[in-house]
N, C-alpha and C. Protein backbone atom coordinates (compact mmCIF):
# COMPACT_ATOMS: atom_id res chain seq x y z
N MET A 1 119.85 71.77 121.66
CA MET A 1 119.39 71.24 120.54
C MET A 1 120.61 70.60 119.84
N PRO A 2 120.27 69.48 119.15
CA PRO A 2 121.52 69.28 118.21
C PRO A 2 121.69 69.45 116.90
N THR A 3 122.79 69.28 116.40
CA THR A 3 123.46 70.14 115.06
C THR A 3 121.96 70.13 113.84
N ILE A 4 122.25 71.34 113.50
CA ILE A 4 121.05 71.23 112.31
C ILE A 4 122.30 71.68 111.14
N THR A 5 121.88 71.35 110.06
CA THR A 5 122.46 71.01 108.50
C THR A 5 121.93 71.41 107.66
N PHE A 6 121.99 72.61 106.67
CA PHE A 6 121.09 73.04 105.96
C PHE A 6 121.66 72.67 104.46
N ARG A 7 120.61 72.40 103.39
CA ARG A 7 121.14 72.11 102.05
C ARG A 7 119.68 72.02 101.15
N GLU A 8 120.00 72.75 99.90
CA GLU A 8 118.98 72.71 99.29
C GLU A 8 118.10 71.50 98.77
N ALA A 9 117.22 71.49 98.33
CA ALA A 9 116.56 69.94 98.32
C ALA A 9 116.82 69.46 96.71
N ALA A 10 116.98 68.28 96.87
CA ALA A 10 116.89 67.57 95.30
C ALA A 10 115.85 66.75 95.17
N PRO A 11 115.17 66.91 93.74
CA PRO A 11 114.14 65.89 93.08
C PRO A 11 114.31 64.08 94.19
N GLY A 12 114.78 64.02 94.64
CA GLY A 12 115.24 62.78 95.79
C GLY A 12 114.35 63.00 96.87
N ASP A 13 114.34 64.29 97.18
CA ASP A 13 113.74 64.76 98.66
C ASP A 13 112.28 64.58 98.31
N VAL A 14 111.82 64.62 96.95
CA VAL A 14 110.13 65.09 96.94
C VAL A 14 109.35 64.19 98.11
N GLN A 15 108.98 62.96 98.18
CA GLN A 15 108.35 62.59 98.80
C GLN A 15 108.24 62.94 100.21
N ARG A 16 109.96 62.60 100.78
CA ARG A 16 109.77 63.01 102.06
C ARG A 16 109.23 64.67 102.58
N LEU A 17 109.60 65.06 101.87
CA LEU A 17 109.19 66.76 102.18
C LEU A 17 107.48 66.80 101.79
N VAL A 18 106.84 66.37 101.27
CA VAL A 18 105.20 66.21 101.50
C VAL A 18 104.34 65.27 102.51
N GLU A 19 105.29 64.44 102.97
CA GLU A 19 105.12 63.50 104.24
C GLU A 19 105.32 64.76 105.46
N LEU A 20 106.44 65.23 105.45
CA LEU A 20 106.75 66.13 106.20
C LEU A 20 105.63 67.56 106.37
N VAL A 21 105.59 67.92 105.19
CA VAL A 21 104.71 69.23 105.40
C VAL A 21 103.17 68.50 105.47
N GLN A 22 102.60 67.40 105.09
CA GLN A 22 101.66 67.18 105.85
C GLN A 22 101.50 66.95 107.35
N SER A 23 102.70 66.13 107.56
CA SER A 23 102.33 65.58 109.01
C SER A 23 102.54 66.78 110.40
N ALA A 24 103.41 68.01 109.46
CA ALA A 24 103.00 69.37 110.50
C ALA A 24 102.10 69.81 110.16
N TYR A 25 101.11 69.80 109.59
CA TYR A 25 99.91 70.60 109.39
C TYR A 25 98.74 70.24 109.19
N ARG A 26 98.29 68.68 108.43
CA ARG A 26 97.26 68.14 108.59
C ARG A 26 96.90 66.79 109.23
N GLY A 27 95.79 66.41 109.56
CA GLY A 27 95.63 64.80 109.74
C GLY A 27 95.88 65.00 111.69
N GLU A 28 95.43 63.53 111.97
CA GLU A 28 96.25 63.29 113.67
C GLU A 28 97.49 63.83 113.48
N SER A 29 98.45 63.32 112.88
CA SER A 29 99.77 63.63 113.47
C SER A 29 100.34 64.99 113.72
N SER A 30 99.29 66.04 112.69
CA SER A 30 99.98 66.91 113.32
C SER A 30 99.70 67.76 114.91
N ARG A 31 98.73 66.83 114.94
CA ARG A 31 98.27 67.47 116.45
C ARG A 31 99.67 67.09 117.25
N ALA A 32 99.98 66.52 117.12
CA ALA A 32 101.47 66.13 117.93
C ALA A 32 102.36 67.43 118.26
N GLY A 33 102.20 68.32 116.99
CA GLY A 33 103.37 69.84 117.79
C GLY A 33 101.91 71.07 117.46
N TRP A 34 102.55 72.33 117.69
CA TRP A 34 101.30 73.08 117.47
C TRP A 34 101.23 74.11 116.17
N THR A 35 101.83 73.76 115.01
CA THR A 35 101.32 73.88 114.44
C THR A 35 100.52 73.88 113.38
N THR A 36 99.75 72.57 113.91
CA THR A 36 98.41 72.29 113.24
C THR A 36 97.32 72.98 112.41
N GLU A 37 97.01 72.44 111.66
CA GLU A 37 95.71 73.12 110.80
C GLU A 37 94.20 72.22 110.76
N ALA A 38 94.39 71.42 111.53
CA ALA A 38 93.64 69.93 111.13
C ALA A 38 92.22 70.45 112.04
N ASP A 39 91.74 71.54 112.46
CA ASP A 39 90.90 72.07 112.98
C ASP A 39 90.16 73.25 112.06
N LEU A 40 90.89 73.46 110.59
CA LEU A 40 90.56 74.28 109.77
C LEU A 40 90.33 73.55 108.56
N LEU A 41 91.50 72.95 108.02
CA LEU A 41 91.47 72.22 107.21
C LEU A 41 91.41 70.47 106.90
N ASP A 42 90.91 69.91 106.27
CA ASP A 42 91.66 68.82 105.84
C ASP A 42 91.89 68.33 104.67
N GLY A 43 92.35 67.48 104.10
CA GLY A 43 93.13 67.05 103.14
C GLY A 43 94.37 67.24 102.84
N GLN A 44 95.25 67.71 101.94
CA GLN A 44 96.59 68.14 101.64
C GLN A 44 96.82 69.28 101.54
N ARG A 45 98.13 69.38 102.28
CA ARG A 45 98.88 70.86 102.15
C ARG A 45 99.89 71.41 100.70
N ALA A 46 100.10 69.76 100.72
CA ALA A 46 100.90 70.24 99.11
C ALA A 46 101.15 68.56 98.75
N ASP A 47 101.40 68.67 97.58
CA ASP A 47 101.42 67.19 96.78
C ASP A 47 102.89 67.42 96.04
N GLY A 48 102.97 66.14 95.55
CA GLY A 48 104.21 65.90 94.91
C GLY A 48 104.66 66.97 93.70
N ASP A 49 103.84 67.43 93.52
CA ASP A 49 104.16 68.26 92.03
C ASP A 49 104.37 69.28 92.38
N MET A 50 103.73 70.27 93.43
CA MET A 50 103.79 71.18 94.05
C MET A 50 105.57 71.42 94.26
N VAL A 51 105.99 70.47 95.18
CA VAL A 51 106.89 70.38 95.63
C VAL A 51 108.13 70.34 94.38
N ALA A 52 108.18 69.26 93.92
CA ALA A 52 108.89 69.07 92.78
C ALA A 52 108.78 70.12 92.02
N ALA A 53 107.97 71.34 91.32
CA ALA A 53 108.28 72.29 91.06
C ALA A 53 108.87 73.54 91.62
N ALA A 54 108.60 73.64 92.81
CA ALA A 54 109.22 74.29 93.96
C ALA A 54 110.93 74.13 94.01
N ILE A 55 111.19 72.84 94.10
CA ILE A 55 112.58 72.60 93.54
C ILE A 55 113.12 72.88 92.35
N ALA A 56 112.66 72.44 91.21
CA ALA A 56 112.98 73.01 90.30
C ALA A 56 112.84 74.55 89.94
N ASP A 57 111.96 75.45 90.68
CA ASP A 57 112.27 77.05 90.37
C ASP A 57 113.17 77.73 90.05
N PRO A 58 113.69 78.27 89.28
CA PRO A 58 115.46 78.93 89.31
C PRO A 58 115.23 80.30 89.94
N ALA A 59 113.85 80.90 90.44
CA ALA A 59 113.86 81.72 91.28
C ALA A 59 113.75 81.38 92.31
N GLY A 60 113.90 80.33 93.03
CA GLY A 60 113.82 80.21 94.58
C GLY A 60 114.74 79.09 94.63
N ALA A 61 114.32 78.35 96.06
CA ALA A 61 115.14 77.17 96.65
C ALA A 61 114.56 77.04 97.50
N VAL A 62 114.14 75.43 97.86
CA VAL A 62 113.52 74.71 99.24
C VAL A 62 114.71 74.00 99.97
N LEU A 63 114.77 74.70 101.09
CA LEU A 63 115.45 74.75 101.94
C LEU A 63 115.76 73.25 102.55
N VAL A 64 115.99 72.68 103.16
CA VAL A 64 116.32 71.45 103.88
C VAL A 64 116.65 71.35 105.14
N ALA A 65 116.22 70.99 106.26
CA ALA A 65 117.66 71.11 107.80
C ALA A 65 116.98 69.64 108.04
N GLU A 66 118.60 69.39 108.65
CA GLU A 66 118.36 67.65 109.11
C GLU A 66 119.27 67.37 110.03
N THR A 67 119.27 66.92 110.86
CA THR A 67 119.92 66.54 112.39
C THR A 67 120.32 64.95 112.01
N ALA A 68 121.49 64.91 112.39
CA ALA A 68 121.86 63.62 112.00
C ALA A 68 121.76 62.71 111.23
N GLY A 69 121.78 63.63 110.09
CA GLY A 69 121.40 62.78 108.37
C GLY A 69 119.48 63.03 108.50
N GLU A 70 118.67 63.06 109.47
CA GLU A 70 117.57 62.94 108.79
C GLU A 70 117.13 64.47 108.57
N LEU A 71 115.65 63.82 107.22
CA LEU A 71 115.38 65.50 107.36
C LEU A 71 114.14 65.76 108.21
N VAL A 72 114.15 66.78 108.94
CA VAL A 72 113.39 67.11 110.04
C VAL A 72 112.71 68.74 110.06
N ALA A 73 112.92 69.53 108.79
CA ALA A 73 112.21 70.68 108.54
C ALA A 73 112.62 71.15 107.11
N CYS A 74 111.66 72.41 106.73
CA CYS A 74 111.70 72.51 105.61
C CYS A 74 111.44 73.70 105.29
N CYS A 75 111.58 74.79 103.87
CA CYS A 75 111.09 75.80 103.56
C CYS A 75 111.36 76.15 102.31
N GLN A 76 110.61 77.20 102.07
CA GLN A 76 110.63 77.81 100.62
C GLN A 76 110.94 79.32 100.26
N ILE A 77 112.03 79.48 99.81
CA ILE A 77 111.87 81.03 100.17
C ILE A 77 112.08 81.43 97.89
N GLU A 78 111.18 82.32 97.70
CA GLU A 78 111.28 82.92 96.26
C GLU A 78 111.77 84.20 95.96
N ARG A 79 112.88 84.60 95.06
CA ARG A 79 113.08 85.51 94.87
C ARG A 79 111.97 86.24 93.81
N ARG A 80 111.25 87.50 94.16
CA ARG A 80 110.14 88.21 93.57
C ARG A 80 110.90 89.54 93.14
N THR A 81 109.83 90.57 92.69
CA THR A 81 110.28 92.34 92.40
C THR A 81 110.74 92.84 94.56
N GLY A 82 111.69 93.37 94.47
CA GLY A 82 111.76 94.18 95.46
C GLY A 82 111.82 93.07 96.83
N HIS A 83 111.40 92.08 96.84
CA HIS A 83 111.41 90.84 98.04
C HIS A 83 111.59 89.29 97.80
N ALA A 84 111.84 88.43 98.96
CA ALA A 84 111.75 87.54 98.90
C ALA A 84 110.14 87.00 99.69
N TYR A 85 109.78 85.93 99.06
CA TYR A 85 108.41 85.30 99.52
C TYR A 85 109.31 84.02 100.28
N PHE A 86 108.61 83.69 101.80
CA PHE A 86 108.72 82.71 102.38
C PHE A 86 107.36 81.56 102.70
N GLY A 87 107.70 80.30 102.31
CA GLY A 87 106.86 79.53 102.40
C GLY A 87 106.74 78.26 102.67
N MET A 88 105.77 76.99 102.69
CA MET A 88 105.98 75.82 102.63
C MET A 88 107.42 75.51 103.74
N PHE A 89 106.67 75.97 105.08
CA PHE A 89 107.38 75.75 106.39
C PHE A 89 107.06 74.75 106.89
N ALA A 90 107.89 74.09 107.67
CA ALA A 90 107.52 73.07 107.97
C ALA A 90 108.43 72.20 108.94
N VAL A 91 107.89 72.09 110.49
CA VAL A 91 108.98 71.17 111.30
C VAL A 91 108.56 69.47 111.96
N ASP A 92 108.79 69.26 111.97
CA ASP A 92 108.29 67.38 112.39
C ASP A 92 107.78 67.97 113.39
N PRO A 93 106.44 67.83 113.54
CA PRO A 93 105.83 67.82 115.00
C PRO A 93 106.65 67.27 116.22
N ALA A 94 107.04 66.19 116.13
CA ALA A 94 107.88 65.90 117.25
C ALA A 94 108.69 66.48 117.99
N ARG A 95 109.47 67.60 116.73
CA ARG A 95 110.43 68.64 117.03
C ARG A 95 110.58 70.38 117.21
N GLN A 96 109.00 70.33 117.26
CA GLN A 96 108.57 71.54 117.12
C GLN A 96 109.08 71.77 119.08
N ALA A 97 108.74 73.38 119.04
CA ALA A 97 109.15 74.17 120.26
C ALA A 97 110.01 73.69 120.95
N ALA A 98 110.94 73.74 120.20
CA ALA A 98 112.57 73.50 120.32
C ALA A 98 113.47 74.29 119.91
N GLY A 99 113.51 75.15 119.05
CA GLY A 99 114.20 76.58 118.52
C GLY A 99 114.27 76.24 117.23
N LEU A 100 113.74 74.65 116.67
CA LEU A 100 114.02 74.20 115.16
C LEU A 100 113.53 75.54 114.05
N GLY A 101 112.33 75.31 114.45
CA GLY A 101 111.75 76.28 113.40
C GLY A 101 112.46 77.76 113.30
N ALA A 102 112.86 78.47 114.62
CA ALA A 102 113.51 79.55 114.32
C ALA A 102 114.83 79.69 113.77
N ALA A 103 115.73 78.21 113.81
CA ALA A 103 116.78 78.58 113.43
C ALA A 103 116.54 78.34 111.76
N VAL A 104 115.55 77.69 111.06
CA VAL A 104 115.29 77.25 109.96
C VAL A 104 114.38 78.91 109.17
N LEU A 105 114.15 79.87 109.99
CA LEU A 105 113.36 80.91 109.71
C LEU A 105 114.89 82.07 109.12
N ALA A 106 115.49 81.66 110.12
CA ALA A 106 116.48 82.54 110.51
C ALA A 106 117.80 82.06 108.82
N GLU A 107 117.57 80.90 108.86
CA GLU A 107 118.78 80.88 107.55
C GLU A 107 117.86 80.81 106.31
N ALA A 108 116.45 80.75 106.23
CA ALA A 108 115.99 81.18 104.98
C ALA A 108 116.40 83.16 104.78
N GLU A 109 115.87 84.08 106.16
CA GLU A 109 116.31 85.18 105.81
C GLU A 109 117.96 85.38 105.48
N ARG A 110 118.67 84.72 106.12
CA ARG A 110 120.15 84.85 105.66
C ARG A 110 120.56 84.54 104.37
N ARG A 111 119.85 83.77 103.79
CA ARG A 111 120.09 83.24 102.31
C ARG A 111 119.82 84.14 101.37
N ALA A 112 118.18 84.61 101.80
CA ALA A 112 117.26 86.19 101.32
C ALA A 112 118.48 87.41 100.84
N ARG A 113 118.57 87.83 102.18
CA ARG A 113 119.58 88.88 102.44
C ARG A 113 120.99 88.65 101.45
N ASP A 114 121.75 87.96 102.01
CA ASP A 114 122.88 87.67 101.22
C ASP A 114 123.49 87.20 100.09
N GLY A 115 122.40 85.93 99.87
CA GLY A 115 122.40 85.80 98.61
C GLY A 115 122.01 86.41 97.17
N TRP A 116 120.61 86.72 97.78
CA TRP A 116 119.71 87.67 96.53
C TRP A 116 119.90 89.26 96.94
N GLN A 117 120.53 89.74 98.16
CA GLN A 117 120.96 91.06 98.23
C GLN A 117 118.96 91.87 98.40
N VAL A 118 118.20 90.89 98.96
CA VAL A 118 116.43 91.36 98.94
C VAL A 118 117.14 92.13 100.64
N THR A 119 115.75 93.05 100.76
CA THR A 119 115.58 93.68 101.94
C THR A 119 114.86 93.49 102.65
N GLU A 120 113.91 92.84 102.32
CA GLU A 120 112.35 92.28 102.92
C GLU A 120 112.07 90.65 102.40
N MET A 121 111.64 90.42 103.87
CA MET A 121 110.79 89.16 103.44
C MET A 121 109.21 89.44 103.44
N ARG A 122 108.45 88.36 102.92
CA ARG A 122 106.96 88.48 102.99
C ARG A 122 106.78 86.82 103.42
N MET A 123 105.45 86.74 103.86
CA MET A 123 104.94 85.50 103.57
C MET A 123 103.20 85.91 103.60
N THR A 124 102.45 84.45 104.01
CA THR A 124 101.12 85.07 104.18
C THR A 124 101.20 83.81 105.11
N VAL A 125 99.67 84.08 106.22
CA VAL A 125 99.18 83.12 107.24
C VAL A 125 97.82 83.25 107.39
N ILE A 126 97.54 82.36 107.57
CA ILE A 126 95.81 82.42 107.29
C ILE A 126 95.27 82.94 109.03
N VAL A 127 94.79 83.49 108.62
CA VAL A 127 94.24 84.75 109.75
C VAL A 127 93.90 84.32 111.09
N GLN A 128 92.66 83.37 111.12
CA GLN A 128 92.65 82.28 112.05
C GLN A 128 94.37 81.97 112.72
N ARG A 129 94.96 81.59 112.26
CA ARG A 129 96.50 81.34 112.91
C ARG A 129 96.78 81.97 114.25
N GLU A 130 96.25 82.38 114.34
CA GLU A 130 96.38 83.77 115.33
C GLU A 130 98.06 83.77 116.20
N GLU A 131 98.13 82.04 117.09
CA GLU A 131 99.67 81.64 117.53
C GLU A 131 100.91 81.72 116.76
N LEU A 132 100.35 81.34 115.55
CA LEU A 132 101.35 81.22 114.38
C LEU A 132 101.82 82.83 114.04
N ILE A 133 100.67 83.41 113.93
CA ILE A 133 100.94 84.69 113.27
C ILE A 133 101.91 85.57 114.83
N ALA A 134 101.63 85.17 115.76
CA ALA A 134 102.15 85.73 116.95
C ALA A 134 103.79 85.53 117.35
N TRP A 135 103.73 84.23 116.88
CA TRP A 135 105.36 83.77 116.62
C TRP A 135 106.11 84.41 116.09
N TYR A 136 105.37 84.63 115.00
CA TYR A 136 106.20 85.38 113.42
C TYR A 136 106.30 86.66 113.93
N VAL A 137 105.56 87.54 114.85
CA VAL A 137 105.36 89.11 115.36
C VAL A 137 106.76 88.62 116.32
N ARG A 138 106.69 87.62 116.96
CA ARG A 138 108.15 87.64 118.11
C ARG A 138 109.34 87.86 117.20
N ARG A 139 109.26 87.12 115.93
CA ARG A 139 110.79 87.11 115.11
C ARG A 139 111.11 88.31 114.44
N GLY A 140 109.93 89.58 114.29
CA GLY A 140 110.61 90.70 113.83
C GLY A 140 109.34 90.74 112.79
N TYR A 141 108.59 89.67 112.67
CA TYR A 141 107.47 90.17 111.45
C TYR A 141 106.03 91.61 111.71
N ALA A 142 105.90 92.16 110.76
CA ALA A 142 104.97 92.98 111.08
C ALA A 142 103.40 92.30 110.41
N ARG A 143 102.38 92.75 110.85
CA ARG A 143 101.02 92.21 110.65
C ARG A 143 101.18 94.11 109.15
N THR A 144 100.62 93.19 108.31
CA THR A 144 99.79 94.27 107.31
C THR A 144 97.95 94.61 107.56
N GLY A 145 97.49 93.71 107.52
CA GLY A 145 96.05 93.81 107.47
C GLY A 145 95.63 93.66 106.17
N GLU A 146 96.94 93.08 104.76
CA GLU A 146 96.63 93.18 103.63
C GLU A 146 95.64 91.45 103.83
N LEU A 147 94.93 90.92 103.27
CA LEU A 147 94.44 90.23 102.99
C LEU A 147 94.44 89.33 101.90
N SER A 148 94.25 88.12 101.68
CA SER A 148 93.91 87.98 100.35
C SER A 148 93.47 86.71 100.76
N PRO A 149 92.51 86.15 99.58
CA PRO A 149 91.42 84.82 99.80
C PRO A 149 92.01 83.33 99.89
N PHE A 150 91.44 82.81 100.53
CA PHE A 150 91.74 81.54 100.66
C PHE A 150 91.17 81.02 98.83
N PRO A 151 92.14 79.86 98.72
CA PRO A 151 91.91 79.68 97.38
C PRO A 151 90.26 78.04 97.54
N TYR A 152 89.56 78.78 97.86
CA TYR A 152 88.47 77.78 97.82
C TYR A 152 88.12 77.03 97.16
N GLY A 153 87.45 75.69 96.91
CA GLY A 153 87.35 74.73 95.51
C GLY A 153 88.70 74.39 94.67
N ASP A 154 89.94 74.71 95.37
CA ASP A 154 91.08 73.99 94.70
C ASP A 154 91.84 72.91 95.74
N GLU A 155 91.39 71.80 96.18
CA GLU A 155 91.80 71.06 96.62
C GLU A 155 93.11 70.77 96.96
N ARG A 156 94.13 71.18 95.97
CA ARG A 156 95.13 71.19 96.40
C ARG A 156 95.99 71.52 97.43
N PHE A 157 95.09 72.85 98.10
CA PHE A 157 95.36 73.54 99.49
C PHE A 157 94.60 73.16 100.19
N GLY A 158 93.83 71.78 100.17
CA GLY A 158 93.28 71.40 101.00
C GLY A 158 91.43 71.57 101.04
N ARG A 159 90.56 70.90 101.37
CA ARG A 159 89.10 71.01 101.95
C ARG A 159 89.13 72.23 103.31
N PRO A 160 88.51 73.09 103.17
CA PRO A 160 88.43 73.99 104.02
C PRO A 160 86.85 73.39 105.21
N ARG A 161 87.38 73.64 106.50
CA ARG A 161 86.09 72.87 107.43
C ARG A 161 85.39 74.09 107.63
N ARG A 162 85.72 75.43 107.65
CA ARG A 162 85.01 76.82 107.21
C ARG A 162 84.98 77.69 106.18
N THR A 163 84.04 78.58 106.34
CA THR A 163 84.17 79.72 105.26
C THR A 163 84.65 80.87 105.35
N ASP A 164 85.23 81.13 106.26
CA ASP A 164 85.66 82.57 106.57
C ASP A 164 87.33 82.41 106.27
N LEU A 165 87.80 81.64 105.75
CA LEU A 165 89.44 81.74 105.62
C LEU A 165 89.98 82.38 104.86
N ALA A 166 90.90 83.43 105.34
CA ALA A 166 91.47 84.40 104.34
C ALA A 166 93.11 84.35 104.84
N PHE A 167 93.79 84.59 103.90
CA PHE A 167 95.33 84.91 104.68
C PHE A 167 95.63 86.31 104.68
N GLU A 168 96.62 86.58 105.35
CA GLU A 168 96.97 88.17 105.74
C GLU A 168 99.20 87.95 105.44
N THR A 169 98.80 89.21 104.98
CA THR A 169 100.72 89.25 104.53
C THR A 169 101.29 89.53 105.88
N LEU A 170 102.35 89.15 106.28
CA LEU A 170 103.43 89.79 107.48
C LEU A 170 104.53 90.14 106.83
N THR A 171 105.45 91.20 107.16
CA THR A 171 106.43 91.71 106.62
C THR A 171 107.34 91.65 107.65
N LYS A 172 108.73 91.44 107.25
CA LYS A 172 109.97 91.87 107.82
C LYS A 172 111.36 92.45 107.04
N SER A 173 111.83 93.67 107.66
CA SER A 173 112.76 93.94 106.67
C SER A 173 114.30 93.06 107.36
N LEU A 174 114.77 92.87 106.33
CA LEU A 174 116.44 91.95 105.91
C LEU A 174 117.41 93.12 106.39
N ALA A 175 117.16 94.10 106.07
CA ALA A 175 118.06 95.29 105.81
C ALA A 175 118.97 95.57 107.67
């Protein structure tokens, strides 16, 4: 795997981050990787306002992974009461299944643990994404059975192709 460098995203990264997140999850380009949600959702995964707000949020960080100066992956971490939340995770579809995602996840966990002194990471994953949930479980995350509804009717999160979508909370001890 090529050398990966990490940095916090800047406002000038917004458009490229929107494109990266979209390419990893929605539309035909997402089918080049294994993280696609194209069979579950149409429309956008994130927009410029959402990404800009995440970058500006003082309670969090958007991490960018680069190889040879090219933005190839990202994630968002947020400090919350008693834990950190992991989201907006995307890896360039052409670079998936090569260890890059695991490296980004490990860096996010390290920053949350060492920088914020939190002892737990949480995330939510669409329950229909069994392969993705299994990937997280192999990296130490536990399924909680705690479900939350998909935001139907809010096209900022996409246009559902089915009526049974929900999120499950996954957790991992960082202690």
